[in-house]
Amino acid sequence: MIGKIRGKLVGKTPPEILVEVGGITYELQVPMSTIYQLPEFGQDVVLHTHFVVREDAQLLYGFYDSKDKEMFRALIRVNGVGPKMAIAILSGMEADEFVRTVRSNDVNAMVNMPGIGKKTAERLIVEMRDRLAEWDLGEFAISTSDTISAASSIIKDAETALIGLGYKPQQAGRAIAQVLKEKSDISDSEELIRLSLKSMV
């Protein structure tokens, strides 16, 4: 496993870059968030990497920030999300911004990214919510932690109730996401459950 690479930047054709290390030039696929932070040609660059081996190819993905690498790995574990889509997501928004989008159930922000349809956006929000529960947003997390915690608790209670009523987790997640899209100021789980049930009738 190649976890990090240090070398000279010798090529850049987004989303691909070339990094020379000891006479060997590596091809890396990188998100635009990394492209924006690269040095000039010929200068040293250090990138966090993720190595993927497929039957037809061996691919190396690079990230300027370790948070982007962590988010990339979380994304490709979601059903239907491959490395190409994960790179596209991280090109459209930084890792912390993606976390805020998931926590606020902002389907529209997801759909605005290339290759992300409404169904995919809703699935990403549902499946990533628990995985990103402990994600540290630094100063943002400090200033909004109480709000996020309360919102997460209401959503979780509503999901549990809907699943208990016989709905599948994905059905519950989609219904909740739709309700919150139309009315984001819900502060009571009972209201969220009632409106979610109404939307599925």
N, C-alpha and C. Protein backbone atom coordinates (compact mmCIF):
# COMPACT_ATOMS: atom_id res chain seq x y z
N MET A 1 0.85 -1.20 0.00
CA MET A 1 0.00 0.00 0.00
C MET A 1 0.88 1.25 0.00
N ILE A 2 0.58 2.18 -0.88
CA ILE A 2 1.29 3.45 -0.95
C ILE A 2 0.46 4.47 -0.18
N GLY A 3 0.97 4.92 0.96
CA GLY A 3 0.20 5.82 1.81
C GLY A 3 0.51 7.28 1.62
N LYS A 4 1.72 7.59 1.14
CA LYS A 4 2.11 8.98 0.94
C LYS A 4 3.22 9.03 -0.11
N ILE A 5 3.24 10.10 -0.87
CA ILE A 5 4.26 10.23 -1.91
C ILE A 5 4.86 11.63 -1.84
N ARG A 6 6.20 11.69 -1.97
CA ARG A 6 6.91 12.98 -1.98
C ARG A 6 7.80 13.02 -3.22
N GLY A 7 7.68 14.06 -4.00
CA GLY A 7 8.50 14.17 -5.20
C GLY A 7 8.28 15.51 -5.88
N LYS A 8 8.78 15.63 -7.12
CA LYS A 8 8.66 16.87 -7.86
C LYS A 8 7.44 16.82 -8.78
N LEU A 9 6.69 17.88 -8.79
CA LEU A 9 5.54 17.99 -9.69
C LEU A 9 6.05 18.26 -11.10
N VAL A 10 5.78 17.35 -12.04
CA VAL A 10 6.31 17.50 -13.40
C VAL A 10 5.21 17.54 -14.46
N GLY A 11 3.96 17.33 -14.05
CA GLY A 11 2.87 17.38 -15.02
C GLY A 11 1.54 17.63 -14.35
N LYS A 12 0.65 18.31 -15.06
CA LYS A 12 -0.66 18.61 -14.47
C LYS A 12 -1.69 18.76 -15.59
N THR A 13 -2.56 17.75 -15.72
CA THR A 13 -3.67 17.79 -16.66
C THR A 13 -4.89 17.29 -15.91
N PRO A 14 -5.57 18.18 -15.15
CA PRO A 14 -6.66 17.75 -14.27
C PRO A 14 -7.63 16.79 -14.95
N PRO A 15 -8.01 15.71 -14.23
CA PRO A 15 -7.71 15.42 -12.82
C PRO A 15 -6.41 14.63 -12.61
N GLU A 16 -5.54 14.57 -13.61
CA GLU A 16 -4.31 13.79 -13.46
C GLU A 16 -3.10 14.70 -13.28
N ILE A 17 -2.19 14.26 -12.40
CA ILE A 17 -0.92 14.95 -12.25
C ILE A 17 0.20 13.92 -12.31
N LEU A 18 1.42 14.39 -12.55
CA LEU A 18 2.59 13.54 -12.60
C LEU A 18 3.58 13.99 -11.54
N VAL A 19 4.05 13.04 -10.74
CA VAL A 19 5.01 13.34 -9.69
C VAL A 19 6.22 12.43 -9.86
N GLU A 20 7.40 13.03 -9.98
CA GLU A 20 8.64 12.27 -10.17
C GLU A 20 9.30 11.99 -8.83
N VAL A 21 9.55 10.70 -8.59
CA VAL A 21 10.17 10.27 -7.34
C VAL A 21 11.35 9.36 -7.67
N GLY A 22 12.57 9.83 -7.44
CA GLY A 22 13.76 9.01 -7.67
C GLY A 22 13.86 8.45 -9.08
N GLY A 23 13.53 9.25 -10.07
CA GLY A 23 13.63 8.82 -11.44
C GLY A 23 12.41 8.10 -11.97
N ILE A 24 11.43 7.84 -11.11
CA ILE A 24 10.18 7.19 -11.53
C ILE A 24 9.06 8.23 -11.46
N THR A 25 8.27 8.31 -12.53
CA THR A 25 7.16 9.26 -12.57
C THR A 25 5.84 8.55 -12.32
N TYR A 26 5.13 9.00 -11.30
CA TYR A 26 3.85 8.39 -10.93
C TYR A 26 2.69 9.24 -11.46
N GLU A 27 1.68 8.56 -11.97
CA GLU A 27 0.44 9.21 -12.37
C GLU A 27 -0.54 9.14 -11.20
N LEU A 28 -1.12 10.27 -10.84
CA LEU A 28 -2.09 10.31 -9.76
C LEU A 28 -3.36 11.02 -10.21
N GLN A 29 -4.49 10.49 -9.82
CA GLN A 29 -5.77 11.16 -10.01
C GLN A 29 -6.06 11.97 -8.76
N VAL A 30 -6.35 13.25 -8.92
CA VAL A 30 -6.55 14.11 -7.76
C VAL A 30 -7.79 14.97 -7.94
N PRO A 31 -8.45 15.36 -6.84
CA PRO A 31 -9.60 16.27 -6.93
C PRO A 31 -9.12 17.70 -7.16
N MET A 32 -10.03 18.57 -7.60
CA MET A 32 -9.66 19.96 -7.85
C MET A 32 -9.21 20.67 -6.58
N SER A 33 -9.71 20.24 -5.43
CA SER A 33 -9.28 20.84 -4.17
C SER A 33 -7.78 20.68 -3.96
N THR A 34 -7.21 19.60 -4.51
CA THR A 34 -5.76 19.38 -4.46
C THR A 34 -5.06 20.17 -5.56
N ILE A 35 -5.64 20.18 -6.76
CA ILE A 35 -5.06 20.93 -7.88
C ILE A 35 -4.80 22.38 -7.49
N TYR A 36 -5.74 22.99 -6.78
CA TYR A 36 -5.63 24.40 -6.41
C TYR A 36 -4.45 24.66 -5.45
N GLN A 37 -4.00 23.63 -4.76
CA GLN A 37 -2.95 23.82 -3.75
C GLN A 37 -1.58 23.32 -4.18
N LEU A 38 -1.47 22.88 -5.43
CA LEU A 38 -0.19 22.36 -5.92
C LEU A 38 0.83 23.49 -6.12
N PRO A 39 2.12 23.17 -5.95
CA PRO A 39 3.17 24.16 -6.19
C PRO A 39 3.45 24.31 -7.68
N GLU A 40 4.43 25.12 -8.03
CA GLU A 40 4.84 25.28 -9.42
C GLU A 40 5.55 24.02 -9.91
N PHE A 41 5.58 23.83 -11.22
CA PHE A 41 6.30 22.69 -11.79
C PHE A 41 7.76 22.68 -11.32
N GLY A 42 8.23 21.48 -11.02
CA GLY A 42 9.62 21.33 -10.59
C GLY A 42 9.82 21.44 -9.09
N GLN A 43 8.80 21.90 -8.38
CA GLN A 43 8.90 22.02 -6.92
C GLN A 43 8.40 20.74 -6.25
N ASP A 44 8.85 20.55 -5.00
CA ASP A 44 8.46 19.35 -4.26
C ASP A 44 7.01 19.43 -3.81
N VAL A 45 6.36 18.28 -3.80
CA VAL A 45 4.99 18.19 -3.34
C VAL A 45 4.85 16.91 -2.52
N VAL A 46 4.07 16.97 -1.47
CA VAL A 46 3.78 15.80 -0.64
C VAL A 46 2.28 15.55 -0.69
N LEU A 47 1.88 14.33 -1.07
CA LEU A 47 0.48 14.00 -1.19
C LEU A 47 0.14 12.73 -0.41
N HIS A 48 -1.00 12.73 0.24
CA HIS A 48 -1.54 11.53 0.87
C HIS A 48 -2.17 10.72 -0.26
N THR A 49 -1.97 9.41 -0.25
CA THR A 49 -2.42 8.62 -1.39
C THR A 49 -3.28 7.42 -0.99
N HIS A 50 -4.06 6.99 -1.97
CA HIS A 50 -4.87 5.77 -1.84
C HIS A 50 -4.65 4.96 -3.12
N PHE A 51 -4.24 3.71 -2.96
CA PHE A 51 -3.88 2.85 -4.08
C PHE A 51 -5.01 1.86 -4.35
N VAL A 52 -5.48 1.81 -5.59
CA VAL A 52 -6.56 0.91 -5.98
C VAL A 52 -6.06 -0.06 -7.03
N VAL A 53 -6.26 -1.36 -6.79
CA VAL A 53 -5.86 -2.38 -7.75
C VAL A 53 -7.11 -3.01 -8.34
N ARG A 54 -7.24 -2.93 -9.68
CA ARG A 54 -8.35 -3.55 -10.38
C ARG A 54 -7.80 -4.58 -11.35
N GLU A 55 -8.69 -5.35 -11.93
CA GLU A 55 -8.26 -6.36 -12.89
C GLU A 55 -7.57 -5.73 -14.10
N ASP A 56 -8.05 -4.56 -14.50
CA ASP A 56 -7.53 -3.93 -15.71
C ASP A 56 -6.63 -2.73 -15.46
N ALA A 57 -6.40 -2.37 -14.20
CA ALA A 57 -5.59 -1.18 -13.94
C ALA A 57 -5.16 -1.11 -12.48
N GLN A 58 -4.08 -0.36 -12.25
CA GLN A 58 -3.63 -0.01 -10.91
C GLN A 58 -3.64 1.51 -10.85
N LEU A 59 -4.46 2.06 -9.95
CA LEU A 59 -4.69 3.50 -9.92
C LEU A 59 -4.24 4.10 -8.59
N LEU A 60 -3.61 5.26 -8.68
CA LEU A 60 -3.14 5.94 -7.48
C LEU A 60 -3.86 7.29 -7.39
N TYR A 61 -4.51 7.51 -6.25
CA TYR A 61 -5.24 8.75 -6.02
C TYR A 61 -4.50 9.58 -4.98
N GLY A 62 -4.39 10.88 -5.24
CA GLY A 62 -3.62 11.74 -4.35
C GLY A 62 -4.44 12.87 -3.77
N PHE A 63 -4.07 13.27 -2.54
CA PHE A 63 -4.81 14.32 -1.84
C PHE A 63 -3.84 15.21 -1.07
N TYR A 64 -3.98 16.50 -1.24
CA TYR A 64 -3.11 17.45 -0.54
C TYR A 64 -3.38 17.41 0.96
N ASP A 65 -4.65 17.27 1.32
CA ASP A 65 -5.07 17.27 2.72
C ASP A 65 -5.47 15.85 3.13
N SER A 66 -5.02 15.41 4.30
CA SER A 66 -5.36 14.06 4.77
C SER A 66 -6.87 13.90 4.98
N LYS A 67 -7.57 15.01 5.27
CA LYS A 67 -9.03 14.93 5.45
C LYS A 67 -9.71 14.51 4.15
N ASP A 68 -9.19 14.99 3.03
CA ASP A 68 -9.77 14.61 1.74
C ASP A 68 -9.58 13.13 1.47
N LYS A 69 -8.42 12.61 1.86
CA LYS A 69 -8.16 11.18 1.69
C LYS A 69 -9.12 10.37 2.56
N GLU A 70 -9.32 10.81 3.78
CA GLU A 70 -10.24 10.12 4.69
C GLU A 70 -11.66 10.14 4.14
N MET A 71 -12.07 11.29 3.59
CA MET A 71 -13.41 11.40 3.02
C MET A 71 -13.54 10.53 1.78
N PHE A 72 -12.51 10.49 0.94
CA PHE A 72 -12.51 9.66 -0.26
C PHE A 72 -12.75 8.20 0.11
N ARG A 73 -12.06 7.73 1.13
CA ARG A 73 -12.21 6.33 1.56
C ARG A 73 -13.60 6.06 2.11
N ALA A 74 -14.17 7.05 2.78
CA ALA A 74 -15.54 6.87 3.29
C ALA A 74 -16.54 6.84 2.14
N LEU A 75 -16.33 7.67 1.15
CA LEU A 75 -17.26 7.75 0.02
C LEU A 75 -17.27 6.47 -0.81
N ILE A 76 -16.10 5.90 -1.08
CA ILE A 76 -16.07 4.72 -1.95
C ILE A 76 -16.61 3.47 -1.26
N ARG A 77 -16.91 3.57 0.02
CA ARG A 77 -17.57 2.45 0.71
C ARG A 77 -19.08 2.50 0.55
N VAL A 78 -19.59 3.61 0.00
CA VAL A 78 -21.03 3.74 -0.23
C VAL A 78 -21.39 2.99 -1.50
N ASN A 79 -22.45 2.21 -1.43
CA ASN A 79 -22.90 1.44 -2.59
C ASN A 79 -23.18 2.37 -3.78
N GLY A 80 -22.55 2.07 -4.90
CA GLY A 80 -22.78 2.85 -6.10
C GLY A 80 -21.85 4.03 -6.29
N VAL A 81 -20.97 4.27 -5.32
CA VAL A 81 -20.02 5.38 -5.43
C VAL A 81 -18.62 4.82 -5.64
N GLY A 82 -18.07 5.04 -6.81
CA GLY A 82 -16.72 4.58 -7.12
C GLY A 82 -15.72 5.70 -6.97
N PRO A 83 -14.44 5.41 -7.17
CA PRO A 83 -13.40 6.43 -7.05
C PRO A 83 -13.63 7.65 -7.93
N LYS A 84 -14.12 7.44 -9.16
CA LYS A 84 -14.34 8.56 -10.07
C LYS A 84 -15.37 9.53 -9.50
N MET A 85 -16.48 9.00 -8.97
CA MET A 85 -17.50 9.87 -8.39
C MET A 85 -17.00 10.54 -7.11
N ALA A 86 -16.23 9.80 -6.33
CA ALA A 86 -15.68 10.37 -5.09
C ALA A 86 -14.76 11.55 -5.40
N ILE A 87 -13.95 11.41 -6.44
CA ILE A 87 -13.07 12.50 -6.85
C ILE A 87 -13.90 13.69 -7.33
N ALA A 88 -14.99 13.41 -8.05
CA ALA A 88 -15.87 14.48 -8.53
C ALA A 88 -16.51 15.23 -7.36
N ILE A 89 -16.92 14.49 -6.35
CA ILE A 89 -17.53 15.12 -5.16
C ILE A 89 -16.53 16.02 -4.47
N LEU A 90 -15.30 15.53 -4.28
CA LEU A 90 -14.28 16.31 -3.60
C LEU A 90 -13.74 17.44 -4.47
N SER A 91 -14.05 17.40 -5.76
CA SER A 91 -13.70 18.51 -6.63
C SER A 91 -14.75 19.61 -6.51
N GLY A 92 -15.97 19.21 -6.15
CA GLY A 92 -17.07 20.17 -6.03
C GLY A 92 -17.14 20.85 -4.68
N MET A 93 -16.65 20.18 -3.64
CA MET A 93 -16.65 20.77 -2.30
C MET A 93 -15.59 20.10 -1.43
N GLU A 94 -15.06 20.85 -0.50
CA GLU A 94 -14.06 20.31 0.42
C GLU A 94 -14.72 19.34 1.38
N ALA A 95 -13.89 18.53 2.04
CA ALA A 95 -14.40 17.49 2.93
C ALA A 95 -15.31 18.06 4.02
N ASP A 96 -14.89 19.15 4.67
CA ASP A 96 -15.70 19.73 5.74
C ASP A 96 -17.02 20.27 5.20
N GLU A 97 -16.98 20.83 3.99
CA GLU A 97 -18.21 21.34 3.39
C GLU A 97 -19.16 20.20 3.08
N PHE A 98 -18.61 19.07 2.63
CA PHE A 98 -19.45 17.90 2.36
C PHE A 98 -20.12 17.42 3.65
N VAL A 99 -19.38 17.41 4.75
CA VAL A 99 -19.94 16.99 6.04
C VAL A 99 -21.10 17.90 6.43
N ARG A 100 -20.92 19.20 6.28
CA ARG A 100 -22.00 20.13 6.62
C ARG A 100 -23.21 19.91 5.72
N THR A 101 -22.96 19.58 4.45
CA THR A 101 -24.06 19.31 3.52
C THR A 101 -24.85 18.08 3.94
N VAL A 102 -24.14 17.04 4.36
CA VAL A 102 -24.80 15.81 4.82
C VAL A 102 -25.60 16.09 6.09
N ARG A 103 -25.00 16.78 7.04
CA ARG A 103 -25.66 17.04 8.32
C ARG A 103 -26.87 17.94 8.18
N SER A 104 -26.87 18.79 7.17
CA SER A 104 -28.02 19.69 6.97
C SER A 104 -29.01 19.14 5.94
N ASN A 105 -28.76 17.90 5.47
CA ASN A 105 -29.66 17.25 4.50
C ASN A 105 -29.87 18.11 3.25
N ASP A 106 -28.80 18.74 2.78
CA ASP A 106 -28.89 19.65 1.65
C ASP A 106 -28.76 18.88 0.33
N VAL A 107 -29.87 18.31 -0.11
CA VAL A 107 -29.87 17.54 -1.35
C VAL A 107 -29.52 18.41 -2.54
N ASN A 108 -30.00 19.65 -2.55
CA ASN A 108 -29.76 20.55 -3.68
C ASN A 108 -28.28 20.80 -3.90
N ALA A 109 -27.52 20.96 -2.81
CA ALA A 109 -26.09 21.19 -2.94
C ALA A 109 -25.40 19.99 -3.57
N MET A 110 -25.88 18.79 -3.24
CA MET A 110 -25.32 17.57 -3.82
C MET A 110 -25.64 17.48 -5.31
N VAL A 111 -26.89 17.77 -5.64
CA VAL A 111 -27.34 17.63 -7.03
C VAL A 111 -26.61 18.62 -7.94
N ASN A 112 -26.15 19.72 -7.39
CA ASN A 112 -25.45 20.72 -8.18
C ASN A 112 -24.09 20.24 -8.67
N MET A 113 -23.60 19.15 -8.08
CA MET A 113 -22.31 18.62 -8.51
C MET A 113 -22.49 17.70 -9.71
N PRO A 114 -21.53 17.72 -10.67
CA PRO A 114 -21.67 16.89 -11.87
C PRO A 114 -21.74 15.41 -11.55
N GLY A 115 -22.66 14.70 -12.21
CA GLY A 115 -22.75 13.26 -12.05
C GLY A 115 -23.57 12.80 -10.86
N ILE A 116 -24.09 13.75 -10.07
CA ILE A 116 -24.87 13.40 -8.87
C ILE A 116 -26.34 13.72 -9.12
N GLY A 117 -27.16 12.68 -9.25
CA GLY A 117 -28.59 12.86 -9.41
C GLY A 117 -29.27 12.92 -8.05
N LYS A 118 -30.56 13.17 -8.06
CA LYS A 118 -31.29 13.32 -6.80
C LYS A 118 -31.27 12.04 -5.97
N LYS A 119 -31.48 10.89 -6.60
CA LYS A 119 -31.50 9.63 -5.86
C LYS A 119 -30.13 9.34 -5.24
N THR A 120 -29.08 9.60 -6.02
CA THR A 120 -27.72 9.38 -5.49
C THR A 120 -27.45 10.32 -4.34
N ALA A 121 -27.88 11.57 -4.46
CA ALA A 121 -27.67 12.56 -3.40
C ALA A 121 -28.37 12.13 -2.12
N GLU A 122 -29.61 11.67 -2.25
CA GLU A 122 -30.37 11.23 -1.07
C GLU A 122 -29.71 10.02 -0.43
N ARG A 123 -29.22 9.09 -1.26
CA ARG A 123 -28.56 7.91 -0.71
C ARG A 123 -27.26 8.29 0.01
N LEU A 124 -26.52 9.22 -0.57
CA LEU A 124 -25.28 9.67 0.05
C LEU A 124 -25.55 10.27 1.43
N ILE A 125 -26.58 11.10 1.51
CA ILE A 125 -26.91 11.75 2.79
C ILE A 125 -27.30 10.71 3.84
N VAL A 126 -28.11 9.74 3.45
CA VAL A 126 -28.56 8.71 4.39
C VAL A 126 -27.40 7.83 4.84
N GLU A 127 -26.61 7.36 3.89
CA GLU A 127 -25.56 6.40 4.22
C GLU A 127 -24.33 7.05 4.87
N MET A 128 -24.09 8.33 4.58
CA MET A 128 -22.91 8.99 5.13
C MET A 128 -23.15 9.62 6.49
N ARG A 129 -24.43 9.80 6.86
CA ARG A 129 -24.72 10.53 8.10
C ARG A 129 -24.06 9.89 9.32
N ASP A 130 -24.25 8.59 9.50
CA ASP A 130 -23.67 7.92 10.66
C ASP A 130 -22.16 7.82 10.56
N ARG A 131 -21.65 7.63 9.34
CA ARG A 131 -20.21 7.50 9.16
C ARG A 131 -19.46 8.80 9.48
N LEU A 132 -20.16 9.91 9.34
CA LEU A 132 -19.53 11.21 9.57
C LEU A 132 -19.93 11.81 10.92
N ALA A 133 -20.58 11.02 11.75
CA ALA A 133 -21.07 11.53 13.03
C ALA A 133 -19.95 12.10 13.90
N GLU A 134 -18.77 11.50 13.83
CA GLU A 134 -17.66 11.93 14.67
C GLU A 134 -16.69 12.85 13.93
N TRP A 135 -17.02 13.25 12.73
CA TRP A 135 -16.12 14.09 11.95
C TRP A 135 -15.92 15.44 12.63
N ASP A 136 -14.68 15.86 12.78
CA ASP A 136 -14.36 17.09 13.47
C ASP A 136 -14.31 18.25 12.49
N LEU A 137 -15.18 19.22 12.68
CA LEU A 137 -15.22 20.39 11.82
C LEU A 137 -14.48 21.57 12.42
N GLY A 138 -13.67 21.33 13.44
CA GLY A 138 -12.87 22.40 14.04
C GLY A 138 -13.73 23.49 14.65
N GLU A 139 -13.47 24.75 14.25
CA GLU A 139 -14.19 25.89 14.81
C GLU A 139 -15.67 25.82 14.50
N PHE A 140 -16.00 25.32 13.32
CA PHE A 140 -17.42 25.21 12.95
C PHE A 140 -18.13 24.27 13.91
N ALA A 141 -17.47 23.16 14.24
CA ALA A 141 -18.10 22.19 15.14
C ALA A 141 -18.31 22.78 16.52
N ILE A 142 -17.38 23.64 16.97
CA ILE A 142 -17.50 24.24 18.29
C ILE A 142 -18.68 25.20 18.33
N SER A 143 -18.84 25.98 17.27
CA SER A 143 -19.88 27.01 17.27
C SER A 143 -21.27 26.45 17.00
N THR A 144 -21.35 25.26 16.39
CA THR A 144 -22.67 24.74 16.03
C THR A 144 -22.93 23.34 16.56
N SER A 145 -22.11 22.90 17.50
CA SER A 145 -22.21 21.51 17.96
C SER A 145 -23.56 21.19 18.58
N ASP A 146 -24.10 22.14 19.35
CA ASP A 146 -25.40 21.90 19.99
C ASP A 146 -26.50 21.76 18.95
N THR A 147 -26.48 22.62 17.94
CA THR A 147 -27.48 22.57 16.88
C THR A 147 -27.39 21.26 16.11
N ILE A 148 -26.16 20.88 15.73
CA ILE A 148 -25.95 19.64 14.98
C ILE A 148 -26.40 18.44 15.79
N SER A 149 -26.05 18.43 17.07
CA SER A 149 -26.40 17.31 17.93
C SER A 149 -27.92 17.17 18.04
N ALA A 150 -28.60 18.31 18.21
CA ALA A 150 -30.06 18.27 18.33
C ALA A 150 -30.70 17.79 17.03
N ALA A 151 -30.22 18.32 15.89
CA ALA A 151 -30.77 17.93 14.59
C ALA A 151 -30.54 16.45 14.34
N SER A 152 -29.34 15.97 14.65
CA SER A 152 -29.02 14.56 14.44
C SER A 152 -29.91 13.66 15.29
N SER A 153 -30.18 14.09 16.52
CA SER A 153 -31.02 13.31 17.42
C SER A 153 -32.45 13.22 16.89
N ILE A 154 -32.98 14.34 16.38
CA ILE A 154 -34.34 14.35 15.84
C ILE A 154 -34.44 13.44 14.63
N ILE A 155 -33.45 13.53 13.74
CA ILE A 155 -33.44 12.71 12.52
C ILE A 155 -33.34 11.23 12.88
N LYS A 156 -32.45 10.93 13.82
CA LYS A 156 -32.27 9.53 14.22
C LYS A 156 -33.54 8.96 14.84
N ASP A 157 -34.20 9.75 15.68
CA ASP A 157 -35.45 9.30 16.30
C ASP A 157 -36.52 9.05 15.24
N ALA A 158 -36.58 9.94 14.25
CA ALA A 158 -37.58 9.79 13.19
C ALA A 158 -37.29 8.55 12.36
N GLU A 159 -36.02 8.33 12.02
CA GLU A 159 -35.65 7.15 11.24
C GLU A 159 -36.01 5.87 11.99
N THR A 160 -35.69 5.83 13.28
CA THR A 160 -35.98 4.66 14.10
C THR A 160 -37.47 4.37 14.13
N ALA A 161 -38.26 5.43 14.28
CA ALA A 161 -39.71 5.27 14.33
C ALA A 161 -40.26 4.74 13.01
N LEU A 162 -39.79 5.30 11.90
CA LEU A 162 -40.29 4.88 10.59
C LEU A 162 -39.90 3.44 10.28
N ILE A 163 -38.68 3.07 10.64
CA ILE A 163 -38.23 1.68 10.44
C ILE A 163 -39.06 0.75 11.31
N GLY A 164 -39.38 1.21 12.53
CA GLY A 164 -40.21 0.41 13.42
C GLY A 164 -41.61 0.21 12.89
N LEU A 165 -42.06 1.13 12.03
CA LEU A 165 -43.38 1.02 11.43
C LEU A 165 -43.37 0.14 10.19
N GLY A 166 -42.19 -0.37 9.84
CA GLY A 166 -42.11 -1.31 8.71
C GLY A 166 -41.47 -0.77 7.46
N TYR A 167 -41.08 0.50 7.46
CA TYR A 167 -40.44 1.06 6.27
C TYR A 167 -38.96 0.66 6.23
N LYS A 168 -38.45 0.51 5.03
CA LYS A 168 -37.03 0.18 4.87
C LYS A 168 -36.19 1.42 5.19
N PRO A 169 -34.94 1.23 5.67
CA PRO A 169 -34.08 2.37 6.01
C PRO A 169 -33.95 3.38 4.88
N GLN A 170 -33.82 2.90 3.64
CA GLN A 170 -33.68 3.82 2.52
C GLN A 170 -34.96 4.62 2.28
N GLN A 171 -36.12 3.97 2.45
CA GLN A 171 -37.39 4.68 2.31
C GLN A 171 -37.50 5.77 3.37
N ALA A 172 -37.16 5.41 4.59
CA ALA A 172 -37.23 6.36 5.70
C ALA A 172 -36.30 7.54 5.45
N GLY A 173 -35.08 7.24 5.03
CA GLY A 173 -34.09 8.29 4.78
C GLY A 173 -34.53 9.24 3.68
N ARG A 174 -35.08 8.69 2.60
CA ARG A 174 -35.53 9.53 1.50
C ARG A 174 -36.68 10.44 1.92
N ALA A 175 -37.61 9.87 2.67
CA ALA A 175 -38.77 10.65 3.11
C ALA A 175 -38.35 11.78 4.04
N ILE A 176 -37.45 11.47 4.96
CA ILE A 176 -36.97 12.49 5.90
C ILE A 176 -36.21 13.59 5.17
N ALA A 177 -35.36 13.19 4.23
CA ALA A 177 -34.58 14.17 3.45
C ALA A 177 -35.51 15.10 2.68
N GLN A 178 -36.58 14.54 2.12
CA GLN A 178 -37.53 15.35 1.35
C GLN A 178 -38.25 16.35 2.24
N VAL A 179 -38.67 15.88 3.42
CA VAL A 179 -39.36 16.78 4.35
C VAL A 179 -38.45 17.92 4.78
N LEU A 180 -37.21 17.59 5.13
CA LEU A 180 -36.27 18.61 5.60
C LEU A 180 -35.87 19.57 4.49
N LYS A 181 -35.92 19.09 3.27
CA LYS A 181 -35.64 19.96 2.14
C LYS A 181 -36.70 21.05 2.02
N GLU A 182 -37.97 20.66 2.28
CA GLU A 182 -39.08 21.60 2.16
C GLU A 182 -39.28 22.43 3.43
N LYS A 183 -38.88 21.85 4.57
CA LYS A 183 -39.07 22.56 5.84
C LYS A 183 -37.89 22.24 6.75
N SER A 184 -36.86 23.08 6.68
CA SER A 184 -35.60 22.78 7.38
C SER A 184 -35.60 23.20 8.85
N ASP A 185 -36.65 23.89 9.29
CA ASP A 185 -36.65 24.41 10.67
C ASP A 185 -37.41 23.51 11.64
N ILE A 186 -37.61 22.25 11.29
CA ILE A 186 -38.32 21.32 12.19
C ILE A 186 -37.47 21.06 13.43
N SER A 187 -38.05 21.22 14.59
CA SER A 187 -37.30 21.04 15.84
C SER A 187 -37.90 19.95 16.72
N ASP A 188 -38.83 19.18 16.15
CA ASP A 188 -39.51 18.15 16.93
C ASP A 188 -39.60 16.87 16.12
N SER A 189 -39.16 15.74 16.70
CA SER A 189 -39.14 14.48 15.96
C SER A 189 -40.55 14.01 15.59
N GLU A 190 -41.54 14.29 16.44
CA GLU A 190 -42.91 13.87 16.14
C GLU A 190 -43.43 14.54 14.87
N GLU A 191 -43.12 15.81 14.72
CA GLU A 191 -43.54 16.53 13.51
C GLU A 191 -42.83 15.96 12.29
N LEU A 192 -41.55 15.66 12.45
CA LEU A 192 -40.78 15.10 11.34
C LEU A 192 -41.32 13.73 10.93
N ILE A 193 -41.71 12.93 11.90
CA ILE A 193 -42.29 11.60 11.63
C ILE A 193 -43.62 11.76 10.91
N ARG A 194 -44.45 12.67 11.41
CA ARG A 194 -45.79 12.88 10.82
C ARG A 194 -45.67 13.32 9.37
N LEU A 195 -44.81 14.29 9.10
CA LEU A 195 -44.66 14.81 7.75
C LEU A 195 -44.01 13.77 6.82
N SER A 196 -43.12 12.97 7.37
CA SER A 196 -42.46 11.92 6.56
C SER A 196 -43.48 10.87 6.16
N LEU A 197 -44.34 10.48 7.11
CA LEU A 197 -45.39 9.49 6.81
C LEU A 197 -46.34 10.05 5.75
N LYS A 198 -46.66 11.34 5.87
CA LYS A 198 -47.58 11.97 4.92
C LYS A 198 -46.97 11.96 3.51
N SER A 199 -45.64 12.18 3.44
CA SER A 199 -44.99 12.24 2.13
C SER A 199 -44.93 10.88 1.43
N MET A 200 -45.06 9.80 2.23
CA MET A 200 -44.99 8.46 1.65
C MET A 200 -46.35 7.88 1.31
N VAL A 201 -47.41 8.62 1.62
CA VAL A 201 -48.76 8.14 1.32
C VAL A 201 -49.05 8.26 -0.17
